[in-house]
Amino acid sequence: MSILYLLIPLGLVLIVSSLAAFLWAVHCGQFDDLDSPALKILLDDDRAPPPPGAE
């Protein structure tokens, strides 16, 4: 029974922090464009790779 005194506040902290992270992501625009990243993989990258040792 005493474990509930630890698990209930810990669960509430986890829920609040998850909600805060989600709201932060929405506010910063992380979910604004969901289509472009999926289509970028289909585009060709015509740039030549750098030669070895050229950094």
N, C-alpha and C. Protein backbone atom coordinates (compact mmCIF):
# COMPACT_ATOMS: atom_id res chain seq x y z
N MET A 1 0.82 -1.20 0.00
CA MET A 1 0.00 0.00 0.00
C MET A 1 0.87 1.27 0.00
N SER A 2 2.00 1.20 0.66
CA SER A 2 2.85 2.40 0.74
C SER A 2 3.49 2.71 -0.61
N ILE A 3 3.57 1.73 -1.53
CA ILE A 3 4.14 1.98 -2.85
C ILE A 3 3.25 2.92 -3.66
N LEU A 4 1.96 2.95 -3.32
CA LEU A 4 1.05 3.87 -4.03
C LEU A 4 1.40 5.33 -3.75
N TYR A 5 1.95 5.59 -2.57
CA TYR A 5 2.36 6.96 -2.25
C TYR A 5 3.53 7.41 -3.12
N LEU A 6 4.24 6.48 -3.70
CA LEU A 6 5.33 6.80 -4.62
C LEU A 6 4.86 6.77 -6.07
N LEU A 7 4.07 5.77 -6.43
CA LEU A 7 3.71 5.59 -7.83
C LEU A 7 2.69 6.60 -8.34
N ILE A 8 1.77 7.02 -7.52
CA ILE A 8 0.76 7.98 -7.98
C ILE A 8 1.40 9.34 -8.28
N PRO A 9 2.20 9.92 -7.40
CA PRO A 9 2.87 11.19 -7.78
C PRO A 9 3.83 11.02 -8.95
N LEU A 10 4.52 9.89 -9.01
CA LEU A 10 5.43 9.65 -10.12
C LEU A 10 4.67 9.58 -11.44
N GLY A 11 3.52 8.93 -11.43
CA GLY A 11 2.68 8.87 -12.63
C GLY A 11 2.17 10.24 -13.03
N LEU A 12 1.78 11.04 -12.04
CA LEU A 12 1.30 12.39 -12.34
C LEU A 12 2.42 13.27 -12.92
N VAL A 13 3.62 13.13 -12.40
CA VAL A 13 4.76 13.88 -12.94
C VAL A 13 5.04 13.45 -14.37
N LEU A 14 4.95 12.17 -14.64
CA LEU A 14 5.18 11.66 -16.00
C LEU A 14 4.12 12.19 -16.97
N ILE A 15 2.88 12.21 -16.56
CA ILE A 15 1.80 12.72 -17.41
C ILE A 15 1.99 14.21 -17.69
N VAL A 16 2.30 14.98 -16.66
CA VAL A 16 2.47 16.42 -16.82
C VAL A 16 3.68 16.72 -17.71
N SER A 17 4.78 16.00 -17.53
CA SER A 17 5.94 16.26 -18.36
C SER A 17 5.70 15.84 -19.81
N SER A 18 4.96 14.76 -20.03
CA SER A 18 4.62 14.36 -21.39
C SER A 18 3.72 15.40 -22.06
N LEU A 19 2.76 15.89 -21.33
CA LEU A 19 1.88 16.92 -21.88
C LEU A 19 2.65 18.20 -22.18
N ALA A 20 3.58 18.57 -21.30
CA ALA A 20 4.38 19.77 -21.53
C ALA A 20 5.27 19.60 -22.77
N ALA A 21 5.86 18.42 -22.96
CA ALA A 21 6.69 18.18 -24.14
C ALA A 21 5.85 18.22 -25.41
N PHE A 22 4.66 17.67 -25.37
CA PHE A 22 3.78 17.70 -26.54
C PHE A 22 3.37 19.13 -26.87
N LEU A 23 2.98 19.90 -25.87
CA LEU A 23 2.56 21.28 -26.12
C LEU A 23 3.73 22.13 -26.61
N TRP A 24 4.93 21.87 -26.12
CA TRP A 24 6.12 22.57 -26.61
C TRP A 24 6.35 22.25 -28.08
N ALA A 25 6.20 20.98 -28.45
CA ALA A 25 6.41 20.58 -29.84
C ALA A 25 5.37 21.21 -30.76
N VAL A 26 4.14 21.29 -30.31
CA VAL A 26 3.10 21.94 -31.11
C VAL A 26 3.38 23.43 -31.24
N HIS A 27 3.79 24.05 -30.17
CA HIS A 27 4.07 25.49 -30.20
C HIS A 27 5.27 25.82 -31.10
N CYS A 28 6.27 24.95 -31.14
CA CYS A 28 7.47 25.20 -31.95
C CYS A 28 7.30 24.78 -33.40
N GLY A 29 6.16 24.22 -33.77
CA GLY A 29 5.90 23.91 -35.17
C GLY A 29 6.42 22.56 -35.62
N GLN A 30 6.61 21.62 -34.72
CA GLN A 30 7.14 20.31 -35.09
C GLN A 30 6.15 19.51 -35.94
N PHE A 31 4.88 19.81 -35.86
CA PHE A 31 3.87 19.04 -36.58
C PHE A 31 3.25 19.83 -37.74
N ASP A 32 3.89 20.92 -38.16
CA ASP A 32 3.31 21.76 -39.20
C ASP A 32 3.34 21.11 -40.58
N ASP A 33 4.43 20.48 -40.94
CA ASP A 33 4.57 19.91 -42.28
C ASP A 33 4.88 18.43 -42.17
N LEU A 34 3.86 17.60 -42.32
CA LEU A 34 4.04 16.16 -42.17
C LEU A 34 4.26 15.46 -43.50
N ASP A 35 4.03 16.14 -44.63
CA ASP A 35 4.12 15.48 -45.93
C ASP A 35 5.50 15.62 -46.57
N SER A 36 6.15 16.76 -46.44
CA SER A 36 7.42 16.98 -47.14
C SER A 36 8.54 16.01 -46.73
N PRO A 37 8.74 15.73 -45.44
CA PRO A 37 9.82 14.80 -45.11
C PRO A 37 9.64 13.42 -45.74
N ALA A 38 8.41 12.98 -45.91
CA ALA A 38 8.17 11.67 -46.53
C ALA A 38 8.48 11.71 -48.02
N LEU A 39 8.30 12.85 -48.65
CA LEU A 39 8.55 12.96 -50.08
C LEU A 39 10.01 13.26 -50.40
N LYS A 40 10.77 13.80 -49.46
CA LYS A 40 12.17 14.12 -49.71
C LYS A 40 13.00 12.88 -49.99
N ILE A 41 12.62 11.75 -49.46
CA ILE A 41 13.38 10.53 -49.68
C ILE A 41 13.28 10.07 -51.13
N LEU A 42 12.24 10.50 -51.82
CA LEU A 42 12.05 10.10 -53.21
C LEU A 42 12.85 10.95 -54.19
N LEU A 43 13.34 12.10 -53.76
CA LEU A 43 14.08 12.99 -54.64
C LEU A 43 15.52 12.52 -54.77
N ASP A 44 16.08 12.69 -55.97
CA ASP A 44 17.47 12.31 -56.21
C ASP A 44 18.40 13.39 -55.67
N ASP A 45 19.51 12.95 -55.16
CA ASP A 45 20.54 13.87 -54.70
C ASP A 45 21.67 13.81 -55.72
N ASP A 46 21.78 14.84 -56.56
CA ASP A 46 22.73 14.83 -57.67
C ASP A 46 24.13 15.29 -57.28
N ARG A 47 24.35 15.65 -56.06
CA ARG A 47 25.68 16.09 -55.64
C ARG A 47 26.61 14.89 -55.54
N ALA A 48 27.83 15.09 -55.96
CA ALA A 48 28.84 14.03 -55.89
C ALA A 48 29.34 13.93 -54.45
N PRO A 49 29.65 12.73 -53.99
CA PRO A 49 30.18 12.61 -52.64
C PRO A 49 31.57 13.20 -52.56
N PRO A 50 31.95 13.71 -51.40
CA PRO A 50 33.30 14.29 -51.29
C PRO A 50 34.36 13.21 -51.42
N PRO A 51 35.52 13.59 -51.97
CA PRO A 51 36.60 12.59 -52.09
C PRO A 51 37.09 12.17 -50.71
N PRO A 52 37.62 10.97 -50.61
CA PRO A 52 38.11 10.50 -49.29
C PRO A 52 39.26 11.36 -48.81
N GLY A 53 39.22 11.69 -47.54
CA GLY A 53 40.29 12.48 -46.94
C GLY A 53 40.13 13.98 -47.13
N ALA A 54 39.12 14.44 -47.80
CA ALA A 54 38.91 15.89 -48.01
C ALA A 54 37.91 16.40 -46.98
N GLU A 55 38.41 16.75 -45.83
CA GLU A 55 37.53 17.26 -44.76
C GLU A 55 37.90 18.65 -44.39
